[in-house]
């Protein structure tokens, strides 16, 4: 293992090659960091990371590693080390983007809020839809190797189709983070130009569990739309799960569904807030079967595996 990937090392590839603009039109190190940064601070972060000095903006990954969990920093850095071992970190290229132009969304998930969901905003009587960035003014490197689109719900953000049609490099990896409850024909046609399309499916459970956590969604519609995406685009699928008190009992069934779908990548991480949904507030008796640990999606995804083991250890001690 590279020293940079060891627990407690501060280095992360993202401040060097990645640009993330959040829904309030502020730059951050990544989607996990909650701190806004300036260009000057970004340069300071890079220097601190090259010197293996602590970076306050990266506290969440450091917390995960202090609990012996695989952090997002470790996961994404290892991925880019494999993908692009030739990067000069003293003169890095901007080749990765995380774009969140709008909070327009059709769901009201219990772990979300009005900043990231227009449906939540409308429910709370706030301004329901806003756009943080004019996509026509956003300067994207035409040699970009990865573009990650989120929201809100990307299939409801009309400007994303225009953005995809403007890109010359059709070998660029396009990743869409979607709740899979709604599709858009213009977006599907724009995606058909690209040879490497992935979907991060936000799925926190099956059946009634996901319908309770992700208010206004339909599990039947999600499964139908996944089939459409498979047939139209033949993409790579991964599942993103927020582990929380209301899906603890459904985790074995969800893992079974993921394996049955042939989905190999499972990003499962522990909810930070709202605190009332943290798994520590689970009031039931944990009954995960031994077969859960034999599931491919559990065995082959270190981040999910370490998070599930932490929950299992802590809740078993409570029983």
C-alpha atoms as a PDB file:
ATOM      1  CA  UNK A   1       0.000   0.000   0.000  1.00  0.00           C
ATOM      2  CA  UNK A   2       1.269   3.449  -0.877  1.00  0.00           C
ATOM      3  CA  UNK A   3       2.050   5.518   2.214  1.00  0.00           C
ATOM      4  CA  UNK A   4      -0.450   8.065   0.903  1.00  0.00           C
ATOM      5  CA  UNK A   5      -3.253   5.516   1.305  1.00  0.00           C
ATOM      6  CA  UNK A   6      -2.450   4.560   4.884  1.00  0.00           C
ATOM      7  CA  UNK A   7      -4.849   5.455   7.662  1.00  0.00           C
ATOM      8  CA  UNK A   8      -4.215   8.988   8.893  1.00  0.00           C
ATOM      9  CA  UNK A   9      -2.253  10.243   5.889  1.00  0.00           C
ATOM     10  CA  UNK A  10      -3.708  13.564   4.727  1.00  0.00           C
ATOM     11  CA  UNK A  11      -3.103  13.177   0.973  1.00  0.00           C
ATOM     12  CA  UNK A  12      -6.124  13.072  -1.324  1.00  0.00           C
ATOM     13  CA  UNK A  13      -6.064  13.273  -5.102  1.00  0.00           C
ATOM     14  CA  UNK A  14      -9.184  15.440  -5.396  1.00  0.00           C
ATOM     15  CA  UNK A  15      -7.776  18.900  -4.494  1.00  0.00           C
ATOM     16  CA  UNK A  16      -5.273  18.419  -7.318  1.00  0.00           C
ATOM     17  CA  UNK A  17      -7.348  17.217 -10.267  1.00  0.00           C
ATOM     18  CA  UNK A  18     -10.970  17.801  -9.285  1.00  0.00           C
ATOM     19  CA  UNK A  19     -13.368  20.751  -9.277  1.00  0.00           C
ATOM     20  CA  UNK A  20     -16.474  20.734  -7.115  1.00  0.00           C
ATOM     21  CA  UNK A  21     -18.980  23.595  -7.072  1.00  0.00           C
ATOM     22  CA  UNK A  22     -21.810  23.117  -4.608  1.00  0.00           C
ATOM     23  CA  UNK A  23     -25.441  24.194  -4.875  1.00  0.00           C
ATOM     24  CA  UNK A  24     -24.700  27.518  -3.190  1.00  0.00           C
ATOM     25  CA  UNK A  25     -22.159  28.337  -5.942  1.00  0.00           C
ATOM     26  CA  UNK A  26     -19.219  27.819  -3.590  1.00  0.00           C
ATOM     27  CA  UNK A  27     -16.120  25.767  -4.245  1.00  0.00           C
ATOM     28  CA  UNK A  28     -15.319  22.924  -1.893  1.00  0.00           C
ATOM     29  CA  UNK A  29     -12.610  20.267  -1.842  1.00  0.00           C
ATOM     30  CA  UNK A  30     -15.240  17.624  -2.576  1.00  0.00           C
ATOM     31  CA  UNK A  31     -18.873  16.774  -1.900  1.00  0.00           C
ATOM     32  CA  UNK A  32     -18.047  15.377   1.547  1.00  0.00           C
ATOM     33  CA  UNK A  33     -16.246  18.435   2.878  1.00  0.00           C
ATOM     34  CA  UNK A  34     -18.564  21.084   4.308  1.00  0.00           C
ATOM     35  CA  UNK A  35     -16.076  23.962   4.102  1.00  0.00           C
ATOM     36  CA  UNK A  36     -16.047  26.541   1.316  1.00  0.00           C
ATOM     37  CA  UNK A  37     -12.588  27.368  -0.012  1.00  0.00           C
ATOM     38  CA  UNK A  38     -10.874  30.037  -2.108  1.00  0.00           C
ATOM     39  CA  UNK A  39      -8.298  29.432  -4.830  1.00  0.00           C
ATOM     40  CA  UNK A  40      -5.642  30.603  -2.379  1.00  0.00           C
ATOM     41  CA  UNK A  41      -6.790  28.100   0.233  1.00  0.00           C
ATOM     42  CA  UNK A  42      -6.836  25.339  -2.384  1.00  0.00           C
ATOM     43  CA  UNK A  43      -3.138  25.922  -3.055  1.00  0.00           C
ATOM     44  CA  UNK A  44      -2.494  25.774   0.690  1.00  0.00           C
ATOM     45  CA  UNK A  45      -4.387  22.484   0.971  1.00  0.00           C
ATOM     46  CA  UNK A  46      -2.319  20.978  -1.821  1.00  0.00           C
ATOM     47  CA  UNK A  47       0.919  22.000  -0.128  1.00  0.00           C
ATOM     48  CA  UNK A  48      -0.236  20.657   3.242  1.00  0.00           C
ATOM     49  CA  UNK A  49      -1.205  17.342   1.663  1.00  0.00           C
ATOM     50  CA  UNK A  50       2.135  16.972  -0.114  1.00  0.00           C
ATOM     51  CA  UNK A  51       3.766  17.555   3.292  1.00  0.00           C
ATOM     52  CA  UNK A  52       1.299  15.187   5.029  1.00  0.00           C
ATOM     53  CA  UNK A  53       0.018  17.932   7.313  1.00  0.00           C
ATOM     54  CA  UNK A  54      -3.538  17.925   8.731  1.00  0.00           C
ATOM     55  CA  UNK A  55      -6.245  19.498   6.541  1.00  0.00           C
ATOM     56  CA  UNK A  56      -9.264  20.722   8.560  1.00  0.00           C
ATOM     57  CA  UNK A  57     -11.535  20.617   5.497  1.00  0.00           C
ATOM     58  CA  UNK A  58     -11.042  16.844   5.377  1.00  0.00           C
ATOM     59  CA  UNK A  59     -12.187  16.104   8.936  1.00  0.00           C
ATOM     60  CA  UNK A  60     -14.915  13.680   7.882  1.00  0.00           C
ATOM     61  CA  UNK A  61     -12.525  11.311   6.114  1.00  0.00           C
ATOM     62  CA  UNK A  62     -10.082  11.572   9.002  1.00  0.00           C
ATOM     63  CA  UNK A  63     -12.898  10.635  11.398  1.00  0.00           C
ATOM     64  CA  UNK A  64     -13.746   7.563   9.315  1.00  0.00           C
ATOM     65  CA  UNK A  65     -10.113   6.463   9.322  1.00  0.00           C
ATOM     66  CA  UNK A  66      -9.794   7.030  13.075  1.00  0.00           C
ATOM     67  CA  UNK A  67     -12.645   4.510  13.421  1.00  0.00           C
ATOM     68  CA  UNK A  68     -10.760   2.050  11.171  1.00  0.00           C
ATOM     69  CA  UNK A  69     -13.238   2.532   8.347  1.00  0.00           C
ATOM     70  CA  UNK A  70     -12.177   2.975   4.730  1.00  0.00           C
ATOM     71  CA  UNK A  71     -12.605   6.662   3.912  1.00  0.00           C
ATOM     72  CA  UNK A  72     -13.684   8.294   0.683  1.00  0.00           C
ATOM     73  CA  UNK A  73     -10.196   9.812   0.523  1.00  0.00           C
ATOM     74  CA  UNK A  74      -8.594   6.374   0.449  1.00  0.00           C
ATOM     75  CA  UNK A  75     -11.115   4.965  -2.019  1.00  0.00           C
ATOM     76  CA  UNK A  76     -10.960   7.747  -4.593  1.00  0.00           C
ATOM     77  CA  UNK A  77      -7.187   8.217  -4.297  1.00  0.00           C
ATOM     78  CA  UNK A  78      -6.543   4.512  -4.849  1.00  0.00           C
ATOM     79  CA  UNK A  79      -8.848   4.607  -7.873  1.00  0.00           C
ATOM     80  CA  UNK A  80      -7.024   7.539  -9.488  1.00  0.00           C
ATOM     81  CA  UNK A  81      -3.601   6.061  -8.650  1.00  0.00           C
ATOM     82  CA  UNK A  82      -4.628   3.033 -10.726  1.00  0.00           C
ATOM     83  CA  UNK A  83      -6.291   5.065 -13.454  1.00  0.00           C
ATOM     84  CA  UNK A  84      -3.633   7.788 -13.853  1.00  0.00           C
ATOM     85  CA  UNK A  85      -0.324   6.851 -12.186  1.00  0.00           C
ATOM     86  CA  UNK A  86       1.462   9.489 -14.293  1.00  0.00           C
ATOM     87  CA  UNK A  87      -0.112  12.625 -12.751  1.00  0.00           C
ATOM     88  CA  UNK A  88       2.381  15.313 -11.723  1.00  0.00           C
ATOM     89  CA  UNK A  89       0.957  16.617  -8.451  1.00  0.00           C
ATOM     90  CA  UNK A  90       3.188  19.679  -8.608  1.00  0.00           C
ATOM     91  CA  UNK A  91       1.495  20.680 -11.868  1.00  0.00           C
ATOM     92  CA  UNK A  92      -1.815  18.798 -11.904  1.00  0.00           C
ATOM     93  CA  UNK A  93      -4.386  18.864 -14.716  1.00  0.00           C
ATOM     94  CA  UNK A  94      -8.054  19.655 -14.021  1.00  0.00           C
ATOM     95  CA  UNK A  95      -9.657  16.495 -15.381  1.00  0.00           C
ATOM     96  CA  UNK A  96     -12.456  15.658 -12.954  1.00  0.00           C
ATOM     97  CA  UNK A  97     -15.652  17.609 -12.238  1.00  0.00           C
ATOM     98  CA  UNK A  98     -18.520  17.326  -9.789  1.00  0.00           C
ATOM     99  CA  UNK A  99     -21.344  19.497 -11.151  1.00  0.00           C
ATOM    100  CA  UNK A 100     -24.475  20.350  -9.194  1.00  0.00           C
ATOM    101  CA  UNK A 101     -26.268  23.082 -11.116  1.00  0.00           C
ATOM    102  CA  UNK A 102     -29.660  22.876  -9.470  1.00  0.00           C
ATOM    103  CA  UNK A 103     -31.582  21.560  -6.484  1.00  0.00           C
ATOM    104  CA  UNK A 104     -34.590  20.557  -8.600  1.00  0.00           C
ATOM    105  CA  UNK A 105     -35.728  17.158  -7.320  1.00  0.00           C
ATOM    106  CA  UNK A 106     -38.927  15.122  -7.172  1.00  0.00           C
ATOM    107  CA  UNK A 107     -38.310  13.463  -3.791  1.00  0.00           C
ATOM    108  CA  UNK A 108     -38.271  14.501  -0.141  1.00  0.00           C
ATOM    109  CA  UNK A 109     -35.754  12.111   1.420  1.00  0.00           C
ATOM    110  CA  UNK A 110     -35.625  12.179   5.215  1.00  0.00           C
ATOM    111  CA  UNK A 111     -31.841  12.729   5.297  1.00  0.00           C
ATOM    112  CA  UNK A 112     -32.018  15.590   2.789  1.00  0.00           C
ATOM    113  CA  UNK A 113     -33.272  19.179   2.994  1.00  0.00           C
ATOM    114  CA  UNK A 114     -34.279  22.291   1.032  1.00  0.00           C
ATOM    115  CA  UNK A 115     -30.798  23.162  -0.235  1.00  0.00           C
ATOM    116  CA  UNK A 116     -30.506  19.915  -2.214  1.00  0.00           C
ATOM    117  CA  UNK A 117     -34.201  19.248  -2.910  1.00  0.00           C
ATOM    118  CA  UNK A 118     -36.746  21.634  -4.414  1.00  0.00           C
ATOM    119  CA  UNK A 119     -39.523  19.334  -3.170  1.00  0.00           C
ATOM    120  CA  UNK A 120     -38.274  19.757   0.386  1.00  0.00           C
ATOM    121  CA  UNK A 121     -38.024  23.529  -0.153  1.00  0.00           C
ATOM    122  CA  UNK A 122     -41.588  23.709  -1.441  1.00  0.00           C
ATOM    123  CA  UNK A 123     -42.807  21.566   1.467  1.00  0.00           C
ATOM    124  CA  UNK A 124     -41.193  23.999   3.927  1.00  0.00           C
ATOM    125  CA  UNK A 125     -42.511  27.085   2.118  1.00  0.00           C
ATOM    126  CA  UNK A 126     -39.080  28.196   0.922  1.00  0.00           C
ATOM    127  CA  UNK A 127     -37.870  29.167  -2.553  1.00  0.00           C
ATOM    128  CA  UNK A 128     -38.278  25.804  -4.215  1.00  0.00           C
ATOM    129  CA  UNK A 129     -35.901  25.790  -7.209  1.00  0.00           C
ATOM    130  CA  UNK A 130     -32.657  27.606  -7.768  1.00  0.00           C
ATOM    131  CA  UNK A 131     -29.681  27.255 -10.059  1.00  0.00           C
ATOM    132  CA  UNK A 132     -26.231  27.873  -8.667  1.00  0.00           C
ATOM    133  CA  UNK A 133     -24.230  27.894 -11.895  1.00  0.00           C
ATOM    134  CA  UNK A 134     -24.924  28.960 -15.460  1.00  0.00           C
ATOM    135  CA  UNK A 135     -23.614  25.913 -17.379  1.00  0.00           C
ATOM    136  CA  UNK A 136     -22.748  28.035 -20.413  1.00  0.00           C
ATOM    137  CA  UNK A 137     -20.314  30.015 -18.266  1.00  0.00           C
ATOM    138  CA  UNK A 138     -18.745  26.999 -16.598  1.00  0.00           C
ATOM    139  CA  UNK A 139     -15.370  26.384 -18.229  1.00  0.00           C
ATOM    140  CA  UNK A 140     -14.874  22.636 -18.576  1.00  0.00           C
ATOM    141  CA  UNK A 141     -11.634  21.194 -19.871  1.00  0.00           C
ATOM    142  CA  UNK A 142     -12.477  19.420 -23.134  1.00  0.00           C
ATOM    143  CA  UNK A 143      -9.884  16.804 -22.159  1.00  0.00           C
ATOM    144  CA  UNK A 144     -11.800  16.022 -18.970  1.00  0.00           C
ATOM    145  CA  UNK A 145     -11.675  12.353 -18.042  1.00  0.00           C
ATOM    146  CA  UNK A 146     -14.560  12.240 -15.586  1.00  0.00           C
ATOM    147  CA  UNK A 147     -17.710  14.328 -15.122  1.00  0.00           C
ATOM    148  CA  UNK A 148     -20.013  13.556 -12.232  1.00  0.00           C
ATOM    149  CA  UNK A 149     -23.526  15.003 -12.410  1.00  0.00           C
ATOM    150  CA  UNK A 150     -25.681  15.324  -9.319  1.00  0.00           C
ATOM    151  CA  UNK A 151     -28.350  17.594  -7.970  1.00  0.00           C
ATOM    152  CA  UNK A 152     -31.080  17.692  -7.063  1.00  0.00           C
ATOM    153  CA  UNK A 153     -32.017  14.979  -9.525  1.00  0.00           C
ATOM    154  CA  UNK A 154     -29.895  15.124 -12.727  1.00  0.00           C
ATOM    155  CA  UNK A 155     -32.686  13.772 -14.944  1.00  0.00           C
ATOM    156  CA  UNK A 156     -34.687  16.889 -14.033  1.00  0.00           C
ATOM    157  CA  UNK A 157     -31.859  19.389 -14.700  1.00  0.00           C
ATOM    158  CA  UNK A 158     -32.400  20.387 -18.342  1.00  0.00           C
ATOM    159  CA  UNK A 159     -29.020  22.096 -18.713  1.00  0.00           C
ATOM    160  CA  UNK A 160     -27.203  18.793 -18.153  1.00  0.00           C
ATOM    161  CA  UNK A 161     -28.327  17.535 -21.574  1.00  0.00           C
ATOM    162  CA  UNK A 162     -26.942  20.692 -23.172  1.00  0.00           C
ATOM    163  CA  UNK A 163     -23.674  20.261 -21.296  1.00  0.00           C
ATOM    164  CA  UNK A 164     -23.256  16.664 -22.449  1.00  0.00           C
ATOM    165  CA  UNK A 165     -23.904  17.620 -26.060  1.00  0.00           C
ATOM    166  CA  UNK A 166     -21.205  20.317 -25.825  1.00  0.00           C
ATOM    167  CA  UNK A 167     -18.421  17.892 -24.889  1.00  0.00           C
ATOM    168  CA  UNK A 168     -16.055  16.763 -27.638  1.00  0.00           C
ATOM    169  CA  UNK A 169     -14.439  13.890 -25.755  1.00  0.00           C
ATOM    170  CA  UNK A 170     -17.015  11.112 -25.977  1.00  0.00           C
ATOM    171  CA  UNK A 171     -14.617   8.778 -24.142  1.00  0.00           C
ATOM    172  CA  UNK A 172     -14.974  10.932 -21.029  1.00  0.00           C
ATOM    173  CA  UNK A 173     -16.434   8.942 -18.147  1.00  0.00           C
ATOM    174  CA  UNK A 174     -19.894  10.284 -17.309  1.00  0.00           C
ATOM    175  CA  UNK A 175     -21.303   9.445 -13.885  1.00  0.00           C
ATOM    176  CA  UNK A 176     -24.905  10.273 -13.021  1.00  0.00           C
ATOM    177  CA  UNK A 177     -26.052  10.194  -9.402  1.00  0.00           C
ATOM    178  CA  UNK A 178     -29.762   9.464  -9.686  1.00  0.00           C
ATOM    179  CA  UNK A 179     -32.686   8.337  -7.571  1.00  0.00           C
ATOM    180  CA  UNK A 180     -33.869   6.374 -10.655  1.00  0.00           C
ATOM    181  CA  UNK A 181     -37.472   7.471 -10.197  1.00  0.00           C
ATOM    182  CA  UNK A 182     -37.657   9.664 -13.298  1.00  0.00           C
ATOM    183  CA  UNK A 183     -36.046   9.564 -16.760  1.00  0.00           C
ATOM    184  CA  UNK A 184     -35.703  12.188 -19.472  1.00  0.00           C
ATOM    185  CA  UNK A 185     -35.500  11.354 -23.178  1.00  0.00           C
ATOM    186  CA  UNK A 186     -33.207  14.299 -24.013  1.00  0.00           C
ATOM    187  CA  UNK A 187     -30.780  13.196 -21.318  1.00  0.00           C
ATOM    188  CA  UNK A 188     -30.859   9.587 -22.506  1.00  0.00           C
ATOM    189  CA  UNK A 189     -30.084  10.654 -26.077  1.00  0.00           C
ATOM    190  CA  UNK A 190     -27.232  12.894 -24.908  1.00  0.00           C
ATOM    191  CA  UNK A 191     -25.761  10.039 -22.868  1.00  0.00           C
ATOM    192  CA  UNK A 192     -25.833   7.693 -25.864  1.00  0.00           C
ATOM    193  CA  UNK A 193     -22.919   9.689 -27.336  1.00  0.00           C
ATOM    194  CA  UNK A 194     -20.562   8.434 -24.629  1.00  0.00           C
ATOM    195  CA  UNK A 195     -18.739   5.124 -24.427  1.00  0.00           C
ATOM    196  CA  UNK A 196     -18.350   5.086 -20.638  1.00  0.00           C
ATOM    197  CA  UNK A 197     -21.521   5.863 -18.692  1.00  0.00           C
ATOM    198  CA  UNK A 198     -22.126   4.969 -15.053  1.00  0.00           C
ATOM    199  CA  UNK A 199     -25.092   5.445 -12.769  1.00  0.00           C
ATOM    200  CA  UNK A 200     -24.824   5.832  -9.025  1.00  0.00           C
ATOM    201  CA  UNK A 201     -28.212   4.597  -7.871  1.00  0.00           C
ATOM    202  CA  UNK A 202     -29.304   6.196  -4.599  1.00  0.00           C
ATOM    203  CA  UNK A 203     -30.975   3.190  -3.018  1.00  0.00           C
ATOM    204  CA  UNK A 204     -31.308   2.946   0.749  1.00  0.00           C
ATOM    205  CA  UNK A 205     -33.457  -0.161   0.862  1.00  0.00           C
ATOM    206  CA  UNK A 206     -36.022  -2.222  -0.997  1.00  0.00           C
ATOM    207  CA  UNK A 207     -39.812  -2.057  -1.060  1.00  0.00           C
ATOM    208  CA  UNK A 208     -41.442  -0.214   1.820  1.00  0.00           C
ATOM    209  CA  UNK A 209     -38.071   0.698   3.349  1.00  0.00           C
ATOM    210  CA  UNK A 210     -36.938   2.929   0.495  1.00  0.00           C
ATOM    211  CA  UNK A 211     -40.446   4.334   0.054  1.00  0.00           C
ATOM    212  CA  UNK A 212     -40.426   5.374   3.721  1.00  0.00           C
ATOM    213  CA  UNK A 213     -36.916   6.891   3.649  1.00  0.00           C
ATOM    214  CA  UNK A 214     -37.224   8.526   0.213  1.00  0.00           C
ATOM    215  CA  UNK A 215     -40.666  10.095   0.467  1.00  0.00           C
ATOM    216  CA  UNK A 216     -42.669  10.119  -2.819  1.00  0.00           C
ATOM    217  CA  UNK A 217     -40.617   7.381  -4.494  1.00  0.00           C
ATOM    218  CA  UNK A 218     -41.917   4.063  -5.851  1.00  0.00           C
ATOM    219  CA  UNK A 219     -39.803   0.911  -5.640  1.00  0.00           C
ATOM    220  CA  UNK A 220     -41.622  -0.548  -8.656  1.00  0.00           C
ATOM    221  CA  UNK A 221     -40.809   2.541 -10.750  1.00  0.00           C
ATOM    222  CA  UNK A 222     -37.155   2.416  -9.683  1.00  0.00           C
ATOM    223  CA  UNK A 223     -36.815  -1.201 -10.811  1.00  0.00           C
ATOM    224  CA  UNK A 224     -38.572  -0.456 -14.113  1.00  0.00           C
ATOM    225  CA  UNK A 225     -36.296   2.521 -14.831  1.00  0.00           C
ATOM    226  CA  UNK A 226     -33.146   0.538 -14.058  1.00  0.00           C
ATOM    227  CA  UNK A 227     -34.208  -1.953 -16.754  1.00  0.00           C
ATOM    228  CA  UNK A 228     -34.708   0.911 -19.226  1.00  0.00           C
ATOM    229  CA  UNK A 229     -31.245   2.321 -18.473  1.00  0.00           C
ATOM    230  CA  UNK A 230     -29.725  -1.144 -18.923  1.00  0.00           C
ATOM    231  CA  UNK A 231     -31.371  -1.642 -22.299  1.00  0.00           C
ATOM    232  CA  UNK A 232     -30.717   1.862 -23.650  1.00  0.00           C
ATOM    233  CA  UNK A 233     -27.176   2.541 -22.451  1.00  0.00           C
ATOM    234  CA  UNK A 234     -25.616  -0.700 -21.169  1.00  0.00           C
ATOM    235  CA  UNK A 235     -24.013   1.324 -18.365  1.00  0.00           C
ATOM    236  CA  UNK A 236     -22.031   0.416 -15.282  1.00  0.00           C
ATOM    237  CA  UNK A 237     -24.198   0.530 -12.164  1.00  0.00           C
ATOM    238  CA  UNK A 238     -23.218   1.144  -8.579  1.00  0.00           C
ATOM    239  CA  UNK A 239     -25.449   1.558  -5.547  1.00  0.00           C
ATOM    240  CA  UNK A 240     -25.058   4.313  -2.980  1.00  0.00           C
ATOM    241  CA  UNK A 241     -26.669   3.645   0.401  1.00  0.00           C
ATOM    242  CA  UNK A 242     -26.942   5.901   3.432  1.00  0.00           C
ATOM    243  CA  UNK A 243     -26.847   3.582   6.437  1.00  0.00           C
ATOM    244  CA  UNK A 244     -29.302   4.813   9.058  1.00  0.00           C
ATOM    245  CA  UNK A 245     -31.668   3.568  11.733  1.00  0.00           C
ATOM    246  CA  UNK A 246     -34.589   3.054   9.347  1.00  0.00           C
ATOM    247  CA  UNK A 247     -32.819   0.691   6.947  1.00  0.00           C
ATOM    248  CA  UNK A 248     -30.892  -1.468   9.433  1.00  0.00           C
ATOM    249  CA  UNK A 249     -33.425  -4.324   9.272  1.00  0.00           C
ATOM    250  CA  UNK A 250     -33.563  -4.197   5.459  1.00  0.00           C
ATOM    251  CA  UNK A 251     -29.807  -4.386   4.820  1.00  0.00           C
ATOM    252  CA  UNK A 252     -29.724  -8.177   4.194  1.00  0.00           C
ATOM    253  CA  UNK A 253     -32.553  -7.900   1.650  1.00  0.00           C
ATOM    254  CA  UNK A 254     -30.888  -4.918  -0.030  1.00  0.00           C
ATOM    255  CA  UNK A 255     -27.558  -6.764  -0.291  1.00  0.00           C
ATOM    256  CA  UNK A 256     -29.391  -9.741  -1.809  1.00  0.00           C
ATOM    257  CA  UNK A 257     -31.064  -7.459  -4.370  1.00  0.00           C
ATOM    258  CA  UNK A 258     -27.732  -5.833  -5.310  1.00  0.00           C
ATOM    259  CA  UNK A 259     -26.101  -9.217  -5.925  1.00  0.00           C
ATOM    260  CA  UNK A 260     -29.097 -10.479  -7.903  1.00  0.00           C
ATOM    261  CA  UNK A 261     -28.876  -7.405 -10.151  1.00  0.00           C
ATOM    262  CA  UNK A 262     -25.230  -8.213 -10.883  1.00  0.00           C
ATOM    263  CA  UNK A 263     -24.166  -4.844  -9.449  1.00  0.00           C
ATOM    264  CA  UNK A 264     -20.598  -5.148  -8.222  1.00  0.00           C
ATOM    265  CA  UNK A 265     -19.964  -1.795  -6.569  1.00  0.00           C
ATOM    266  CA  UNK A 266     -21.738  -0.808  -3.361  1.00  0.00           C
ATOM    267  CA  UNK A 267     -20.932   2.459  -1.637  1.00  0.00           C
ATOM    268  CA  UNK A 268     -22.517   2.195   1.801  1.00  0.00           C
ATOM    269  CA  UNK A 269     -21.615   4.766   4.397  1.00  0.00           C
ATOM    270  CA  UNK A 270     -22.962   5.849   7.752  1.00  0.00           C
ATOM    271  CA  UNK A 271     -25.319   8.822   7.935  1.00  0.00           C
ATOM    272  CA  UNK A 272     -23.862  11.831   9.742  1.00  0.00           C
ATOM    273  CA  UNK A 273     -26.969  13.954   9.946  1.00  0.00           C
ATOM    274  CA  UNK A 274     -29.795  14.586  10.709  1.00  0.00           C
ATOM    275  CA  UNK A 275     -28.674  12.955  13.960  1.00  0.00           C
ATOM    276  CA  UNK A 276     -32.136  11.574  14.773  1.00  0.00           C
ATOM    277  CA  UNK A 277     -31.723   9.091  11.908  1.00  0.00           C
ATOM    278  CA  UNK A 278     -28.265   7.895  12.980  1.00  0.00           C
ATOM    279  CA  UNK A 279     -28.055   4.129  13.386  1.00  0.00           C
ATOM    280  CA  UNK A 280     -27.328   4.553  17.112  1.00  0.00           C
ATOM    281  CA  UNK A 281     -31.032   5.456  17.471  1.00  0.00           C
ATOM    282  CA  UNK A 282     -32.090   2.046  16.133  1.00  0.00           C
ATOM    283  CA  UNK A 283     -34.523   0.592  18.662  1.00  0.00           C
ATOM    284  CA  UNK A 284     -34.862  -2.954  17.335  1.00  0.00           C
ATOM    285  CA  UNK A 285     -32.868  -6.127  17.851  1.00  0.00           C
ATOM    286  CA  UNK A 286     -30.218  -6.682  15.197  1.00  0.00           C
ATOM    287  CA  UNK A 287     -30.867  -9.915  13.283  1.00  0.00           C
ATOM    288  CA  UNK A 288     -28.434  -9.837  10.376  1.00  0.00           C
ATOM    289  CA  UNK A 289     -27.892 -13.423   9.168  1.00  0.00           C
ATOM    290  CA  UNK A 290     -24.400 -14.877   8.740  1.00  0.00           C
ATOM    291  CA  UNK A 291     -25.132 -15.086   5.002  1.00  0.00           C
ATOM    292  CA  UNK A 292     -24.946 -11.272   4.773  1.00  0.00           C
ATOM    293  CA  UNK A 293     -21.171 -11.432   5.115  1.00  0.00           C
ATOM    294  CA  UNK A 294     -20.979 -13.881   2.199  1.00  0.00           C
ATOM    295  CA  UNK A 295     -22.687 -11.499  -0.211  1.00  0.00           C
ATOM    296  CA  UNK A 296     -20.396 -10.373  -3.027  1.00  0.00           C
ATOM    297  CA  UNK A 297     -21.392  -6.731  -2.597  1.00  0.00           C
ATOM    298  CA  UNK A 298     -20.333  -6.910   1.063  1.00  0.00           C
ATOM    299  CA  UNK A 299     -17.152  -8.939   0.585  1.00  0.00           C
ATOM    300  CA  UNK A 300     -15.854  -7.013  -2.412  1.00  0.00           C
ATOM    301  CA  UNK A 301     -16.451  -3.422  -1.263  1.00  0.00           C
ATOM    302  CA  UNK A 302     -14.178  -2.439   1.605  1.00  0.00           C
ATOM    303  CA  UNK A 303     -15.994   0.801   2.401  1.00  0.00           C
ATOM    304  CA  UNK A 304     -19.380  -0.904   2.736  1.00  0.00           C
ATOM    305  CA  UNK A 305     -17.842  -3.837   4.581  1.00  0.00           C
ATOM    306  CA  UNK A 306     -16.119  -1.681   7.205  1.00  0.00           C
ATOM    307  CA  UNK A 307     -19.227   0.481   7.764  1.00  0.00           C
ATOM    308  CA  UNK A 308     -21.468  -2.571   8.178  1.00  0.00           C
ATOM    309  CA  UNK A 309     -19.005  -4.178  10.577  1.00  0.00           C
ATOM    310  CA  UNK A 310     -18.944  -1.034  12.701  1.00  0.00           C
ATOM    311  CA  UNK A 311     -22.744  -0.991  12.892  1.00  0.00           C
ATOM    312  CA  UNK A 312     -22.885  -4.724  13.624  1.00  0.00           C
ATOM    313  CA  UNK A 313     -20.303  -4.448  16.378  1.00  0.00           C
ATOM    314  CA  UNK A 314     -21.940  -1.475  18.077  1.00  0.00           C
ATOM    315  CA  UNK A 315     -25.534  -2.685  17.824  1.00  0.00           C
ATOM    316  CA  UNK A 316     -24.642  -6.235  18.859  1.00  0.00           C
ATOM    317  CA  UNK A 317     -23.045  -4.817  22.008  1.00  0.00           C
ATOM    318  CA  UNK A 318     -26.328  -3.003  22.739  1.00  0.00           C
ATOM    319  CA  UNK A 319     -28.437  -6.158  22.405  1.00  0.00           C
END
